[in-house]
Amino acid sequence: MTNWQQHGACIPDPDLMFPNSGDKLGIETAKQICAGCSVELICLDEAMRTEGPASKENRFGIRGGLTGSQRRYQYDKSKAVAR
């Protein structure tokens, strides 16, 4: 665990950050945890860096306030802007 991760709002119950894909309440709960987290942007940056071009099916959990599908969309968007 890196130093910034020790400050995550999800530390008390990290399993909440991995709701099933159809669990809308679980997803919203995890996003609310991220919204109140002091390291949300660092977490998202780390997820984007480590996941790279992974498909949305290979991006797990809510990280930095986004689902795997949302992170894949952000990745694709950032690559389109870079062109």
Foldseek 3Di string as FASTA:
>chain_A
DDPLVVQQLCVVPVVLQFDPPVPPVSLVVNLVSLVPGPCLVVFLVVLCVVCPQPDLVPRGGQTSSDHSNVSNVVNVVVVVVVD
